[in-house]
Amino acid sequence: MESKTRQRQVLMVEDTASVAALYKSYLNPLGVSVTIVGTGTEALAFVKDITPDLILLDLRLPDMTGMQVLEAVRRDHGNIPVVIMTAHGSIDVAVEAMRYGAQDFLIKPCEADRLRVTVNNALKEEEKSPQEKKSSKQAGAQYQGFIGNSLPMQAVYRVIESAASSKATVFITGESGTGKEVCAEAVHAASPRNDKPFVALNCAAIPKELIESELFGHVKGAFTGASTERQGAVELANNGTLFLDELCEMDLDLQSKLLRFIQTGTYQKVGSSKTSTVDVRFVCATNRNPWLEVQEGRFREDLYYRLHVIPVSLPPLRDRGDDVLEIAHALLALMSVEEGKNFSRFSPEVIRLFKAYHWQGNVRELQNVIRNIVVLNEGEEVTLQMVPPPINNGGVKIASTSSIASTSHMAAEAPVQPEVQTATSSVSQIVSKSQIEPLWIVEKRAIEAAIDACDGNIPRAAGLLEVSPSTIYRKLQTWQEAQG
């Protein structure tokens, strides 16, 4: 009983004294004892003498990295819960830290409520039995419209939680079909503006002659066909959130007007000289590389810096591990109800296929596949024969050397469509086994070809390959370590 009532001990490893003092004051209401140290060496010495209930660990320390401290704690002191504290620019490292055993991470600067909730949850989680921890992880597989609890998605959830309470612009990037609008809605839902309007405007779906009117509205007679006055998206979103999807498709002339609106909060309807003022929170999205668009002259650099405040990179479905199965089961249940069918599960062969498939169209492609299966088939179990092509050809996508050189795309993006020979045939014998190379070699050649084509500019190469620069940096580091 005594161990239950004792004061909980938190070790904060933070080398900026003013920040550490501020965060310690945030934790006072929790009634925990907070010890502050400024170096990794001091942290490891403290843990050797006293086992804390929780470590709050900054990634950047003067004598060693937070990752080195984490690895030493895990190696020498077992399962002390560790929460990483990181800036926006090092979220990839924080996700990697979770792979090495960190329980959670916070994005700095963090607000008092977010810090208290994270520390409280970490301390409560440590008290649970292994079975309870497993159950709570399964229960947390949904978040604000998203399904899945993979580490890349946990990083997205933390950024949303961190950014939602402010008015700072969130800039979402990701391949087509990864859920950028779902992410924008999640930012709005988690913000203090959640009871105000959420207005979405797709800049690619509206002709450039009309998009200014859609954005700012127009007065009666402003142009042919303007028979009545119309409210624009900025007016409809007043006090709420304005989501600009496919922002990089916006005409350069309109980009300058958008920049002026962001800077001043004022705008004029098309055909009007009257200036109006609104209060909106911006969330933007694109499936392109926005910095590459700036370099190519298609997107204003000053607008980029104005909007690219809190970047959120949505991972492709193929990088989300078992999330694909969570999403597939949820979609199967939903669509079975909608279509009046009885499907409730996937066969083991289909599960293996879904996990191995590349999902170039991401969640949207998965939605289409599940809808196809449910509409065209009957039964309780989804079998391999029900899966539509090209997925039922094994989902194996092989890129030849020539196709890599000509397209500078990843190996997995050059599909071969073999014919299905029998119901159980999964891959045709188009190439001999001796011709097949390990996927990492093909991928390495594709990345190196793209970097060479871009004269060593890795962000530009990432844009051509349609992956994030951090993905390329991580793979290059992995290959370098393997050679060294």
Protein backbone atom coordinates (compact mmCIF):
# COMPACT_ATOMS: atom_id res chain seq x y z
CA MET A 1 0.00 0.00 0.00
CA GLU A 2 2.88 2.32 0.77
CA SER A 3 4.22 2.06 -2.81
CA LYS A 4 0.82 3.09 -4.14
CA THR A 5 0.65 6.30 -2.11
CA ARG A 6 4.26 7.46 -2.44
CA GLN A 7 5.02 10.52 -4.51
CA ARG A 8 5.83 9.67 -8.14
CA GLN A 9 9.37 10.54 -9.27
CA VAL A 10 9.84 12.21 -12.70
CA LEU A 11 13.31 12.83 -14.15
CA MET A 12 13.38 15.69 -16.68
CA VAL A 13 16.42 15.73 -18.97
CA GLU A 14 16.44 19.24 -20.47
CA ASP A 15 19.51 21.43 -20.96
CA THR A 16 17.67 24.79 -21.26
CA ALA A 17 17.10 25.80 -17.64
CA SER A 18 14.25 28.24 -18.34
CA VAL A 19 12.32 25.66 -20.36
CA ALA A 20 12.88 23.00 -17.70
CA ALA A 21 11.64 25.34 -14.94
CA LEU A 22 8.54 26.22 -16.96
CA TYR A 23 7.69 22.57 -17.65
CA LYS A 24 8.28 21.69 -13.99
CA SER A 25 5.76 24.37 -12.98
CA TYR A 26 3.26 22.85 -15.43
CA LEU A 27 3.53 19.52 -13.58
CA ASN A 28 2.95 20.95 -10.06
CA PRO A 29 -0.81 20.17 -10.07
CA LEU A 30 -0.04 16.47 -10.59
CA GLY A 31 1.75 16.24 -7.24
CA VAL A 32 4.82 14.55 -8.71
CA SER A 33 8.42 15.11 -7.68
CA VAL A 34 10.41 16.49 -10.62
CA THR A 35 14.21 16.36 -10.77
CA ILE A 36 15.90 18.35 -13.54
CA VAL A 37 19.25 17.45 -15.11
CA GLY A 38 20.89 19.10 -18.12
CA THR A 39 23.04 16.35 -19.66
CA GLY A 40 22.78 12.72 -20.66
CA THR A 41 25.63 11.82 -18.34
CA GLU A 42 23.80 13.30 -15.33
CA ALA A 43 20.62 11.49 -16.37
CA LEU A 44 22.31 8.08 -16.51
CA ALA A 45 24.06 8.72 -13.18
CA PHE A 46 20.71 9.63 -11.59
CA VAL A 47 18.96 6.54 -12.95
CA LYS A 48 21.77 4.36 -11.60
CA ASP A 49 21.09 5.61 -8.05
CA ILE A 50 17.32 6.21 -8.13
CA THR A 51 14.82 4.50 -10.43
CA PRO A 52 12.33 7.19 -11.54
CA ASP A 53 8.72 6.40 -12.44
CA LEU A 54 9.09 8.37 -15.69
CA ILE A 55 11.82 10.07 -17.72
CA LEU A 56 11.04 13.17 -19.82
CA LEU A 57 13.92 13.17 -22.30
CA ASP A 58 14.92 15.97 -24.66
CA LEU A 59 16.39 14.65 -27.92
CA ARG A 60 19.08 17.35 -28.11
CA LEU A 61 21.57 17.40 -25.25
CA PRO A 62 25.03 18.98 -25.02
CA ASP A 63 26.98 15.77 -24.43
CA MET A 64 25.05 13.03 -26.24
CA THR A 65 21.81 12.48 -28.14
CA GLY A 66 18.55 11.57 -26.48
CA MET A 67 18.57 8.34 -28.49
CA GLN A 68 21.86 7.32 -26.83
CA VAL A 69 20.37 8.00 -23.41
CA LEU A 70 17.26 5.99 -24.31
CA GLU A 71 19.34 3.04 -25.53
CA ALA A 72 21.44 3.09 -22.33
CA VAL A 73 18.32 3.21 -20.12
CA ARG A 74 16.73 0.33 -22.02
CA ARG A 75 19.94 -1.72 -21.88
CA ASP A 76 20.83 -1.17 -18.24
CA HIS A 77 17.61 -0.30 -16.44
CA GLY A 78 14.85 -2.30 -18.05
CA ASN A 79 11.45 -0.78 -18.67
CA ILE A 80 11.47 2.69 -17.11
CA PRO A 81 8.87 4.61 -19.17
CA VAL A 82 10.45 7.33 -21.32
CA VAL A 83 8.63 10.20 -23.03
CA ILE A 84 10.67 11.97 -25.72
CA MET A 85 10.52 15.77 -26.04
CA THR A 86 11.25 16.98 -29.56
CA ALA A 87 10.87 19.92 -31.93
CA HIS A 88 8.74 19.65 -35.09
CA GLY A 89 11.77 19.11 -37.30
CA SER A 90 12.85 15.90 -35.58
CA ILE A 91 9.57 14.00 -35.45
CA ASP A 92 11.07 11.19 -37.54
CA VAL A 93 13.69 10.70 -34.81
CA ALA A 94 10.96 10.63 -32.16
CA VAL A 95 9.12 7.89 -34.09
CA GLU A 96 12.40 5.98 -34.29
CA ALA A 97 12.76 6.44 -30.52
CA MET A 98 9.36 4.79 -30.03
CA ARG A 99 10.63 1.84 -32.04
CA TYR A 100 13.48 1.60 -29.51
CA GLY A 101 11.08 1.59 -26.58
CA ALA A 102 10.03 5.17 -25.82
CA GLN A 103 6.45 5.20 -24.60
CA ASP A 104 5.36 8.48 -26.18
CA PHE A 105 6.65 11.83 -27.39
CA LEU A 106 5.81 15.51 -26.98
CA ILE A 107 6.31 18.25 -29.54
CA LYS A 108 8.05 21.36 -28.18
CA PRO A 109 7.04 23.95 -27.28
CA CYS A 110 4.25 22.10 -25.49
CA GLU A 111 1.37 23.63 -23.57
CA ALA A 112 0.65 22.92 -19.92
CA ASP A 113 -2.42 20.75 -20.54
CA ARG A 114 -0.70 18.62 -23.18
CA LEU A 115 2.33 18.03 -20.91
CA ARG A 116 0.16 17.13 -17.91
CA VAL A 117 -2.05 14.76 -19.92
CA THR A 118 0.96 12.98 -21.47
CA VAL A 119 2.74 12.56 -18.11
CA ASN A 120 -0.45 11.43 -16.39
CA ASN A 121 -1.17 8.88 -19.13
CA ALA A 122 2.40 7.56 -19.06
CA LEU A 123 2.28 7.06 -15.28
CA LYS A 124 -1.14 5.36 -15.47
CA GLU A 125 0.00 3.15 -18.35
CA GLU A 126 2.94 1.93 -16.29
CA GLU A 127 0.57 0.74 -13.54
CA LYS A 128 -1.38 -1.50 -15.94
CA SER A 129 -0.81 -5.21 -16.40
CA PRO A 130 0.59 -6.41 -19.76
CA GLN A 131 -2.90 -7.58 -20.78
CA GLU A 132 -4.42 -4.20 -19.91
CA LYS A 133 -1.71 -2.42 -21.92
CA LYS A 134 -2.47 -4.61 -24.93
CA SER A 135 -6.21 -3.92 -24.61
CA SER A 136 -5.69 -0.17 -24.32
CA LYS A 137 -3.51 -0.17 -27.44
CA GLN A 138 -6.21 -1.99 -29.36
CA ALA A 139 -8.86 0.39 -28.04
CA GLY A 140 -6.80 3.37 -29.21
CA ALA A 141 -6.76 2.23 -32.85
CA GLN A 142 -9.11 5.04 -33.91
CA TYR A 143 -8.39 8.76 -33.76
CA GLN A 144 -10.54 11.61 -35.09
CA GLY A 145 -11.67 9.73 -38.21
CA PHE A 146 -8.38 7.86 -38.71
CA ILE A 147 -8.09 4.12 -38.19
CA GLY A 148 -4.78 2.55 -37.20
CA ASN A 149 -2.18 2.80 -34.47
CA SER A 150 1.09 2.32 -36.37
CA LEU A 151 4.05 4.40 -35.24
CA PRO A 152 3.98 6.73 -38.30
CA MET A 153 0.31 7.47 -37.59
CA GLN A 154 0.99 8.00 -33.87
CA ALA A 155 3.39 10.73 -34.98
CA VAL A 156 0.60 12.31 -37.05
CA TYR A 157 -1.80 12.15 -34.09
CA ARG A 158 0.73 13.88 -31.80
CA VAL A 159 1.29 16.70 -34.29
CA ILE A 160 -2.48 17.20 -34.60
CA GLU A 161 -2.87 17.27 -30.82
CA SER A 162 0.02 19.68 -30.48
CA ALA A 163 -1.09 22.03 -33.27
CA ALA A 164 -4.86 21.95 -32.90
CA SER A 165 -5.18 24.42 -30.02
CA SER A 166 -3.26 27.20 -31.80
CA LYS A 167 -4.16 29.25 -34.87
CA ALA A 168 -0.93 28.26 -36.66
CA THR A 169 -1.37 27.03 -40.22
CA VAL A 170 -1.06 23.28 -40.73
CA PHE A 171 0.41 22.18 -44.07
CA ILE A 172 -0.43 18.56 -44.93
CA THR A 173 1.52 16.62 -47.53
CA GLY A 174 1.09 13.05 -48.66
CA GLU A 175 0.37 10.85 -51.63
CA SER A 176 -3.08 10.85 -53.17
CA GLY A 177 -5.51 8.79 -51.09
CA THR A 178 -3.65 9.00 -47.76
CA GLY A 179 -6.43 10.97 -46.01
CA LYS A 180 -5.40 14.62 -46.19
CA GLU A 181 -8.96 15.90 -45.78
CA VAL A 182 -9.50 13.51 -42.85
CA CYS A 183 -6.37 15.02 -41.29
CA ALA A 184 -7.67 18.56 -41.85
CA GLU A 185 -11.01 17.64 -40.25
CA ALA A 186 -9.11 16.10 -37.32
CA VAL A 187 -7.19 19.36 -36.76
CA HIS A 188 -10.50 21.25 -36.76
CA ALA A 189 -12.24 18.72 -34.49
CA ALA A 190 -9.42 18.86 -31.93
CA SER A 191 -9.31 22.68 -31.95
CA PRO A 192 -11.30 25.25 -29.94
CA ARG A 193 -13.05 26.07 -33.24
CA ASN A 194 -14.69 22.65 -33.46
CA ASP A 195 -18.18 24.11 -33.04
CA LYS A 196 -17.60 26.59 -35.88
CA PRO A 197 -17.65 25.92 -39.65
CA PHE A 198 -15.17 23.66 -41.43
CA VAL A 199 -15.08 24.71 -45.10
CA ALA A 200 -13.11 22.73 -47.70
CA LEU A 201 -12.10 24.14 -51.08
CA ASN A 202 -10.41 21.91 -53.67
CA CYS A 203 -8.18 24.19 -55.73
CA ALA A 204 -7.74 21.53 -58.43
CA ALA A 205 -11.46 20.87 -58.95
CA ILE A 206 -12.48 24.46 -59.74
CA PRO A 207 -11.64 26.25 -63.03
CA LYS A 208 -9.07 28.98 -62.40
CA GLU A 209 -11.53 31.59 -63.74
CA LEU A 210 -13.96 30.75 -60.93
CA ILE A 211 -11.69 29.93 -58.00
CA GLU A 212 -11.31 33.57 -56.87
CA SER A 213 -15.11 33.83 -56.68
CA GLU A 214 -15.29 30.50 -54.80
CA LEU A 215 -12.64 31.72 -52.36
CA PHE A 216 -13.69 35.33 -51.77
CA GLY A 217 -17.26 35.43 -53.14
CA HIS A 218 -18.72 37.89 -55.65
CA VAL A 219 -21.30 40.64 -55.86
CA LYS A 220 -24.30 40.63 -58.19
CA GLY A 221 -23.24 41.49 -61.76
CA ALA A 222 -19.52 40.97 -61.11
CA PHE A 223 -19.29 38.81 -64.23
CA THR A 224 -21.57 37.11 -66.72
CA GLY A 225 -23.82 34.70 -64.85
CA ALA A 226 -23.37 36.38 -61.44
CA SER A 227 -27.10 36.95 -60.98
CA THR A 228 -26.95 37.09 -57.18
CA GLU A 229 -24.40 37.96 -54.52
CA ARG A 230 -22.44 34.96 -53.30
CA GLN A 231 -20.53 34.22 -50.11
CA GLY A 232 -17.04 32.85 -50.60
CA ALA A 233 -15.27 30.13 -48.64
CA VAL A 234 -13.42 32.65 -46.44
CA GLU A 235 -16.71 34.23 -45.33
CA LEU A 236 -18.40 30.87 -44.76
CA ALA A 237 -15.41 29.75 -42.64
CA ASN A 238 -15.42 32.86 -40.42
CA ASN A 239 -14.34 31.90 -36.86
CA GLY A 240 -13.76 28.35 -38.12
CA THR A 241 -11.30 26.47 -40.32
CA LEU A 242 -10.64 26.90 -44.06
CA PHE A 243 -9.14 23.85 -45.74
CA LEU A 244 -7.40 24.54 -49.07
CA ASP A 245 -6.86 21.17 -50.74
CA GLU A 246 -4.42 20.73 -53.65
CA LEU A 247 -3.10 24.22 -52.90
CA CYS A 248 -0.22 23.93 -55.39
CA GLU A 249 -2.78 23.90 -58.23
CA MET A 250 -3.75 27.50 -57.46
CA ASP A 251 -2.99 30.11 -60.14
CA LEU A 252 -0.02 32.38 -59.32
CA ASP A 253 -2.14 35.57 -59.58
CA LEU A 254 -4.59 34.23 -57.02
CA GLN A 255 -1.71 33.12 -54.79
CA SER A 256 -0.72 36.79 -54.37
CA LYS A 257 -4.30 37.69 -53.33
CA LEU A 258 -4.37 34.76 -50.92
CA LEU A 259 -1.06 35.93 -49.42
CA ARG A 260 -2.48 39.42 -48.87
CA PHE A 261 -5.58 37.93 -47.23
CA ILE A 262 -3.46 35.77 -44.90
CA GLN A 263 -1.32 38.73 -43.91
CA THR A 264 -4.18 41.16 -43.23
CA GLY A 265 -7.28 39.01 -42.67
CA THR A 266 -9.07 41.31 -45.15
CA TYR A 267 -10.44 40.58 -48.62
CA GLN A 268 -12.69 41.98 -51.32
CA LYS A 269 -15.43 40.09 -53.11
CA VAL A 270 -15.05 39.90 -56.88
CA GLY A 271 -16.60 43.06 -58.36
CA SER A 272 -16.66 44.91 -55.04
CA SER A 273 -14.47 47.68 -53.64
CA LYS A 274 -15.66 47.04 -50.09
CA THR A 275 -13.10 45.45 -47.76
CA SER A 276 -14.28 42.77 -45.32
CA THR A 277 -12.51 41.12 -42.38
CA VAL A 278 -12.81 37.54 -41.16
CA ASP A 279 -11.02 35.26 -38.69
CA VAL A 280 -10.13 31.87 -40.17
CA ARG A 281 -7.62 29.16 -39.34
CA PHE A 282 -5.88 27.76 -42.42
CA VAL A 283 -5.16 24.13 -43.13
CA CYS A 284 -3.56 23.39 -46.51
CA ALA A 285 -2.77 20.19 -48.37
CA THR A 286 -1.00 18.98 -51.50
CA ASN A 287 0.11 15.66 -52.95
CA ARG A 288 3.10 17.40 -54.53
CA ASN A 289 6.41 18.41 -52.97
CA PRO A 290 5.65 22.07 -52.11
CA TRP A 291 9.29 23.15 -51.95
CA LEU A 292 9.93 21.62 -55.38
CA GLU A 293 6.94 23.62 -56.67
CA VAL A 294 8.59 26.77 -55.29
CA GLN A 295 11.90 25.91 -56.97
CA GLU A 296 10.14 25.26 -60.27
CA GLY A 297 8.39 28.65 -60.08
CA ARG A 298 4.86 27.29 -59.76
CA PHE A 299 4.32 28.33 -56.14
CA ARG A 300 5.20 31.63 -54.46
CA GLU A 301 8.07 31.34 -52.01
CA ASP A 302 6.63 34.00 -49.69
CA LEU A 303 3.28 32.15 -49.60
CA TYR A 304 5.12 28.90 -48.89
CA TYR A 305 6.83 30.36 -45.84
CA ARG A 306 3.59 31.96 -44.67
CA LEU A 307 1.67 28.66 -44.83
CA HIS A 308 4.34 26.02 -44.15
CA VAL A 309 4.27 26.57 -40.37
CA ILE A 310 3.36 23.15 -38.96
CA PRO A 311 4.06 20.44 -41.56
CA VAL A 312 2.25 17.12 -41.32
CA SER A 313 3.44 14.34 -43.62
CA LEU A 314 0.88 11.54 -43.99
CA PRO A 315 2.58 8.17 -44.49
CA PRO A 316 1.54 5.99 -47.44
CA LEU A 317 -0.53 2.95 -46.55
CA ARG A 318 2.35 0.59 -47.43
CA ASP A 319 4.40 2.12 -44.58
CA ARG A 320 1.66 1.70 -41.96
CA GLY A 321 2.13 -1.99 -41.11
CA ASP A 322 -0.98 -3.73 -39.80
CA ASP A 323 -3.07 -0.56 -40.19
CA VAL A 324 -4.04 -1.85 -43.62
CA LEU A 325 -5.82 -4.79 -41.97
CA GLU A 326 -7.52 -2.57 -39.37
CA ILE A 327 -8.80 -0.30 -42.12
CA ALA A 328 -9.82 -3.23 -44.36
CA HIS A 329 -11.87 -4.85 -41.58
CA ALA A 330 -13.58 -1.55 -40.74
CA LEU A 331 -14.42 -0.92 -44.40
CA LEU A 332 -15.67 -4.50 -44.86
CA ALA A 333 -18.04 -4.13 -41.91
CA LEU A 334 -19.29 -0.73 -43.06
CA MET A 335 -19.80 -1.66 -46.71
CA SER A 336 -21.41 -4.99 -45.87
CA VAL A 337 -24.07 -3.11 -43.90
CA GLU A 338 -24.51 -0.54 -46.68
CA GLU A 339 -24.89 -3.21 -49.37
CA GLY A 340 -26.93 -5.66 -47.28
CA LYS A 341 -24.25 -8.38 -47.43
CA ASN A 342 -22.94 -10.83 -44.80
CA PHE A 343 -19.16 -10.44 -45.13
CA SER A 344 -17.37 -10.45 -41.77
CA ARG A 345 -13.79 -11.64 -42.33
CA PHE A 346 -10.93 -12.17 -44.78
CA SER A 347 -9.28 -15.50 -45.55
CA PRO A 348 -5.64 -15.90 -44.42
CA GLU A 349 -4.53 -15.73 -48.09
CA VAL A 350 -6.27 -12.37 -48.57
CA ILE A 351 -4.75 -11.02 -45.33
CA ARG A 352 -1.26 -11.98 -46.54
CA LEU A 353 -1.98 -10.42 -49.93
CA PHE A 354 -3.25 -7.14 -48.45
CA LYS A 355 -0.14 -6.86 -46.24
CA ALA A 356 2.23 -7.51 -49.16
CA TYR A 357 0.49 -5.32 -51.76
CA HIS A 358 1.97 -1.90 -52.58
CA TRP A 359 -1.31 0.13 -52.36
CA GLN A 360 -0.17 2.84 -54.74
CA GLY A 361 -3.59 4.51 -54.40
CA ASN A 362 -3.39 4.21 -50.59
CA VAL A 363 -6.59 4.15 -48.51
CA ARG A 364 -8.69 5.28 -51.48
CA GLU A 365 -7.53 2.25 -53.48
CA LEU A 366 -8.28 -0.03 -50.53
CA GLN A 367 -11.79 1.48 -50.29
CA ASN A 368 -12.40 0.77 -53.97
CA VAL A 369 -11.15 -2.81 -53.68
CA ILE A 370 -13.36 -3.58 -50.65
CA ARG A 371 -16.39 -1.97 -52.36
CA ASN A 372 -15.75 -4.10 -55.48
CA ILE A 373 -15.54 -7.28 -53.40
CA VAL A 374 -18.68 -6.56 -51.39
CA VAL A 375 -20.84 -5.51 -54.35
CA LEU A 376 -19.88 -8.32 -56.73
CA ASN A 377 -19.72 -11.29 -54.34
CA GLU A 378 -21.69 -13.15 -51.66
CA GLY A 379 -20.61 -14.95 -48.50
CA GLU A 380 -19.16 -14.40 -45.04
CA GLU A 381 -15.46 -14.76 -45.85
CA VAL A 382 -13.57 -12.82 -48.52
CA THR A 383 -11.51 -15.33 -50.50
CA LEU A 384 -8.60 -14.81 -52.88
CA GLN A 385 -10.80 -15.41 -55.93
CA MET A 386 -13.01 -12.45 -54.96
CA VAL A 387 -10.15 -9.94 -54.97
CA PRO A 388 -10.19 -7.94 -58.23
CA PRO A 389 -7.18 -7.55 -60.54
CA PRO A 390 -4.43 -6.44 -60.53
CA ILE A 391 -4.23 -7.13 -56.81
CA ASN A 392 -5.14 -10.80 -57.15
CA ASN A 393 -2.04 -11.27 -59.31
CA GLY A 394 -0.04 -11.40 -56.12
CA GLY A 395 0.52 -7.71 -55.61
CA VAL A 396 4.13 -8.20 -56.71
CA LYS A 397 5.39 -5.18 -58.65
CA ILE A 398 8.75 -5.59 -60.32
CA ALA A 399 10.69 -2.74 -61.94
CA SER A 400 13.26 -3.47 -64.62
CA THR A 401 16.54 -1.58 -64.81
CA SER A 402 15.43 0.22 -67.96
CA SER A 403 12.15 1.34 -66.45
CA ILE A 404 13.99 2.79 -63.45
CA ALA A 405 16.32 4.74 -65.67
CA SER A 406 13.46 6.09 -67.79
CA THR A 407 11.03 7.02 -65.02
CA SER A 408 13.21 7.54 -61.90
CA HIS A 409 10.42 5.88 -59.88
CA MET A 410 10.60 3.42 -57.05
CA ALA A 411 10.78 -0.25 -57.93
CA ALA A 412 7.39 -0.92 -56.46
CA GLU A 413 5.79 1.64 -58.78
CA ALA A 414 6.48 -0.18 -62.06
CA PRO A 415 3.82 -2.89 -62.08
CA VAL A 416 3.86 -6.07 -64.05
CA GLN A 417 0.38 -7.43 -64.74
CA PRO A 418 0.75 -11.22 -65.07
CA GLU A 419 -2.19 -13.35 -66.15
CA VAL A 420 -3.94 -15.54 -63.61
CA GLN A 421 -3.37 -19.13 -64.70
CA THR A 422 -5.45 -20.85 -62.00
CA ALA A 423 -7.46 -19.83 -58.98
CA THR A 424 -4.44 -20.52 -56.77
CA SER A 425 -1.82 -18.98 -59.07
CA SER A 426 -0.43 -15.83 -57.50
CA VAL A 427 2.54 -14.82 -59.67
CA SER A 428 3.14 -15.75 -63.31
CA GLN A 429 6.50 -17.01 -64.53
CA ILE A 430 7.29 -13.99 -66.72
CA VAL A 431 10.85 -13.77 -65.41
CA SER A 432 13.13 -16.52 -64.27
CA LYS A 433 14.15 -16.74 -60.64
CA SER A 434 17.75 -15.89 -61.53
CA GLN A 435 16.63 -12.50 -62.90
CA ILE A 436 14.88 -11.40 -59.71
CA GLU A 437 16.94 -9.12 -57.45
CA PRO A 438 16.28 -8.32 -53.79
CA LEU A 439 13.86 -5.40 -53.57
CA TRP A 440 16.28 -3.23 -51.57
CA ILE A 441 18.86 -3.41 -54.39
CA VAL A 442 16.30 -2.35 -56.99
CA GLU A 443 15.11 0.40 -54.66
CA LYS A 444 18.70 1.56 -53.99
CA ARG A 445 19.37 1.80 -57.73
CA ALA A 446 16.19 3.82 -58.27
CA ILE A 447 17.03 6.27 -55.48
CA GLU A 448 20.62 6.72 -56.65
CA ALA A 449 19.42 7.29 -60.24
CA ALA A 450 16.97 9.96 -59.05
CA ILE A 451 19.63 11.71 -56.92
CA ASP A 452 22.06 11.71 -59.87
CA ALA A 453 19.35 13.11 -62.17
CA CYS A 454 18.76 15.93 -59.66
CA ASP A 455 22.49 16.72 -59.27
CA GLY A 456 22.52 15.54 -55.66
CA ASN A 457 19.41 17.52 -54.59
CA ILE A 458 17.72 15.00 -52.30
CA PRO A 459 14.47 16.96 -51.69
CA ARG A 460 14.01 17.28 -55.46
CA ALA A 461 14.79 13.57 -55.94
CA ALA A 462 12.23 12.78 -53.24
CA GLY A 463 9.67 14.82 -55.18
CA LEU A 464 10.32 12.80 -58.35
CA LEU A 465 10.08 9.54 -56.41
CA GLU A 466 6.95 10.77 -54.59
CA VAL A 467 8.36 10.02 -51.14
CA SER A 468 9.42 12.31 -48.30
CA PRO A 469 13.06 13.45 -48.14
CA SER A 470 13.35 11.86 -44.68
CA THR A 471 12.63 8.45 -46.27
CA ILE A 472 15.59 8.84 -48.62
CA TYR A 473 17.92 10.14 -45.89
CA ARG A 474 16.95 7.17 -43.68
CA LYS A 475 17.57 4.62 -46.44
CA LEU A 476 20.90 6.20 -47.42
CA GLN A 477 22.00 6.04 -43.78
CA THR A 478 20.93 2.39 -43.53
CA TRP A 479 22.89 1.42 -46.64
CA GLN A 480 25.93 3.38 -45.48
CA GLU A 481 25.89 1.61 -42.09
CA ALA A 482 25.55 -1.76 -43.82
CA GLN A 483 28.62 -1.04 -45.95
CA GLY A 484 30.62 0.41 -43.05
